[in-house]
Amino acid sequence: MKLISFIFICLFITSCASEVKKSPQLTGVNYHLLDSIKAAADTSYSKKYGTIKFANAIYFINRKDSTVCQVMKDTADSIRQVIITKKGKRSYFSEYYANGQQVAFFQFDTLGQYNDSAKYFYENGFLESAGKYKNGFKTGSWLNYNQQGILVSTSEYDSNGQAVKTIMQQ
């Protein structure tokens, strides 16, 4: 009888665990990258802004390789945006919600345009949408999710970045 009860409990726990929703993958500020940029910089300065979202910016400049890193902070001193350019071309961009969650992730080409995979996130860390950019335009299929991470639609984009159709999930 104890063996049957044990088996029943194990099966119950296993079935409950399979129904538990996957947690979001929280993605925050890449401090390792920022530390390496700061260490390589030969000049830095701060600039005040008058908005709630962007209260001040800190710039780190490396004249040897023409890299400029702009770190934008809000009134609570939380990082809200990081932009890195090299020789005048954007090589890295990331925006963050007030809680530190990354808003989006993009790949850049040598011209500083969005090219390849991209992901947008909700403030709670769940994926909002995912797809590809080509020459700075959305292209092909983009998957769209609700705030609980459930797929709700697929949007198709032409080569000019125009949505041509959206298919809702059942």
Protein backbone atom coordinates (compact mmCIF):
# COMPACT_ATOMS: atom_id res chain seq x y z
CA MET A 1 0.00 0.00 0.00
CA LYS A 2 2.86 2.38 0.82
CA LEU A 3 4.44 1.64 -2.56
CA ILE A 4 1.20 2.47 -4.40
CA SER A 5 0.83 5.71 -2.43
CA PHE A 6 4.44 6.64 -3.21
CA ILE A 7 3.95 5.98 -6.95
CA PHE A 8 0.71 8.01 -6.95
CA ILE A 9 2.41 10.97 -5.23
CA CYS A 10 5.34 10.85 -7.68
CA LEU A 11 2.98 10.80 -10.67
CA PHE A 12 0.93 13.67 -9.21
CA ILE A 13 4.01 15.82 -8.62
CA THR A 14 5.36 15.07 -12.12
CA SER A 15 2.05 15.97 -13.80
CA CYS A 16 1.77 19.21 -11.82
CA ALA A 17 5.33 20.17 -12.67
CA SER A 18 4.67 19.73 -16.39
CA GLU A 19 1.80 22.23 -16.19
CA VAL A 20 3.88 24.92 -14.50
CA LYS A 21 4.51 27.79 -16.88
CA LYS A 22 8.04 28.52 -17.91
CA SER A 23 9.41 31.64 -16.20
CA PRO A 24 10.57 34.55 -18.30
CA GLN A 25 14.22 34.91 -19.14
CA LEU A 26 15.13 38.22 -17.53
CA THR A 27 17.85 40.05 -19.41
CA GLY A 28 19.50 43.05 -17.82
CA VAL A 29 22.41 45.41 -18.32
CA ASN A 30 25.65 43.78 -19.51
CA TYR A 31 27.96 45.23 -16.84
CA HIS A 32 30.89 43.14 -18.07
CA LEU A 33 30.69 44.92 -21.44
CA LEU A 34 30.35 48.34 -19.78
CA ASP A 35 33.32 47.68 -17.49
CA SER A 36 35.51 46.73 -20.45
CA ILE A 37 34.43 49.90 -22.33
CA LYS A 38 35.16 52.06 -19.26
CA ALA A 39 38.58 50.46 -18.80
CA ALA A 40 39.55 51.12 -22.44
CA ALA A 41 38.29 54.74 -22.45
CA ASP A 42 40.82 57.54 -22.36
CA THR A 43 38.16 60.25 -21.85
CA SER A 44 34.82 60.42 -20.08
CA TYR A 45 32.32 63.12 -19.22
CA SER A 46 28.74 63.55 -17.98
CA LYS A 47 25.87 65.55 -19.41
CA LYS A 48 22.59 66.46 -17.68
CA TYR A 49 19.22 65.98 -19.37
CA GLY A 50 15.89 67.37 -18.21
CA THR A 51 13.61 64.37 -18.66
CA ILE A 52 12.43 61.66 -16.26
CA LYS A 53 13.52 58.83 -18.56
CA PHE A 54 16.92 60.37 -19.30
CA ALA A 55 18.20 62.50 -16.42
CA ASN A 56 21.88 62.28 -17.34
CA ALA A 57 24.32 60.62 -19.69
CA ILE A 58 27.86 59.42 -19.20
CA TYR A 59 30.14 59.20 -22.21
CA PHE A 60 33.21 56.98 -22.46
CA ILE A 61 35.50 57.72 -25.39
CA ASN A 62 38.39 55.66 -26.70
CA ARG A 63 40.27 57.80 -29.23
CA LYS A 64 42.57 54.95 -30.29
CA ASP A 65 39.78 52.95 -31.95
CA SER A 66 37.19 55.78 -32.27
CA THR A 67 34.70 54.13 -29.89
CA VAL A 68 32.09 56.20 -28.05
CA CYS A 69 29.85 54.64 -25.41
CA GLN A 70 26.82 56.61 -24.22
CA VAL A 71 25.15 55.40 -21.00
CA MET A 72 21.81 57.11 -20.31
CA LYS A 73 20.43 57.03 -16.74
CA ASP A 74 17.07 58.02 -15.24
CA THR A 75 16.39 60.06 -12.10
CA ALA A 76 16.81 56.92 -9.94
CA ASP A 77 20.31 56.44 -11.44
CA SER A 78 19.17 53.28 -13.28
CA ILE A 79 20.65 52.62 -16.72
CA ARG A 80 17.92 53.09 -19.34
CA GLN A 81 19.92 53.04 -22.59
CA VAL A 82 23.39 52.12 -23.85
CA ILE A 83 24.65 53.09 -27.30
CA ILE A 84 28.10 52.19 -28.60
CA THR A 85 29.44 53.59 -31.86
CA LYS A 86 32.73 52.83 -33.54
CA LYS A 87 34.07 55.17 -36.21
CA GLY A 88 30.65 56.84 -36.37
CA LYS A 89 28.72 53.58 -36.94
CA ARG A 90 26.39 52.17 -34.30
CA SER A 91 27.64 48.77 -33.16
CA TYR A 92 25.53 48.26 -30.03
CA PHE A 93 22.20 49.57 -28.76
CA SER A 94 20.16 48.45 -25.81
CA GLU A 95 17.24 50.05 -24.00
CA TYR A 96 16.01 49.05 -20.55
CA TYR A 97 12.80 49.38 -18.55
CA ALA A 98 13.00 51.11 -15.16
CA ASN A 99 13.28 47.68 -13.48
CA GLY A 100 16.44 46.88 -15.49
CA GLN A 101 14.80 44.44 -17.93
CA GLN A 102 16.09 44.79 -21.49
CA VAL A 103 13.47 46.17 -23.93
CA ALA A 104 15.02 44.73 -27.09
CA PHE A 105 18.04 42.95 -28.52
CA PHE A 106 19.29 43.63 -32.07
CA GLN A 107 22.15 42.55 -34.30
CA PHE A 108 23.95 45.28 -36.31
CA ASP A 109 25.83 45.09 -39.59
CA THR A 110 28.98 47.06 -40.48
CA LEU A 111 26.82 50.03 -41.61
CA GLY A 112 25.13 50.26 -38.19
CA GLN A 113 21.76 48.96 -39.44
CA TYR A 114 19.62 46.31 -37.79
CA ASN A 115 20.39 43.06 -39.59
CA ASP A 116 19.54 39.50 -38.53
CA SER A 117 17.71 38.36 -35.39
CA ALA A 118 15.87 40.69 -33.03
CA LYS A 119 13.86 40.18 -29.86
CA TYR A 120 11.57 42.53 -27.94
CA PHE A 121 10.66 41.89 -24.30
CA TYR A 122 7.86 42.93 -21.96
CA GLU A 123 8.84 44.61 -18.69
CA ASN A 124 8.11 41.32 -16.87
CA GLY A 125 10.82 39.55 -18.95
CA PHE A 126 8.55 37.55 -21.24
CA LEU A 127 9.25 37.69 -24.97
CA GLU A 128 6.97 40.19 -26.79
CA SER A 129 8.07 39.50 -30.38
CA ALA A 130 10.88 37.91 -32.33
CA GLY A 131 11.92 37.99 -35.95
CA LYS A 132 14.58 39.29 -38.31
CA TYR A 133 15.63 42.61 -39.75
CA LYS A 134 17.22 43.05 -43.15
CA ASN A 135 18.86 46.39 -44.00
CA GLY A 136 17.06 48.02 -41.07
CA PHE A 137 13.57 46.71 -41.98
CA LYS A 138 11.49 43.95 -40.42
CA THR A 139 11.33 41.04 -42.85
CA GLY A 140 9.73 37.61 -43.07
CA SER A 141 7.81 36.05 -40.17
CA TRP A 142 7.61 37.71 -36.76
CA LEU A 143 6.17 35.85 -33.78
CA ASN A 144 4.09 37.93 -31.36
CA TYR A 145 3.39 36.91 -27.75
CA ASN A 146 1.16 38.13 -24.93
CA GLN A 147 2.50 39.21 -21.52
CA GLN A 148 2.34 35.62 -20.25
CA GLY A 149 4.64 34.40 -23.03
CA ILE A 150 1.93 32.69 -25.10
CA LEU A 151 2.11 32.97 -28.90
CA VAL A 152 -0.85 35.06 -30.11
CA SER A 153 -0.05 35.84 -33.75
CA THR A 154 2.44 35.65 -36.58
CA SER A 155 3.01 38.70 -38.78
CA GLU A 156 4.54 38.59 -42.25
CA TYR A 157 6.64 41.52 -43.51
CA ASP A 158 7.78 42.30 -47.06
CA SER A 159 11.28 43.50 -48.01
CA ASN A 160 10.26 47.14 -47.34
CA GLY A 161 9.30 46.40 -43.74
CA GLN A 162 5.55 46.63 -44.41
CA ALA A 163 3.24 44.16 -42.67
CA VAL A 164 1.44 42.18 -45.38
CA LYS A 165 -0.60 39.85 -43.15
CA THR A 166 -1.12 38.78 -39.57
CA ILE A 167 -2.32 35.32 -38.60
CA MET A 168 -3.96 35.04 -35.18
CA GLN A 169 -3.37 31.84 -33.18
CA GLN A 170 -6.35 29.77 -32.14
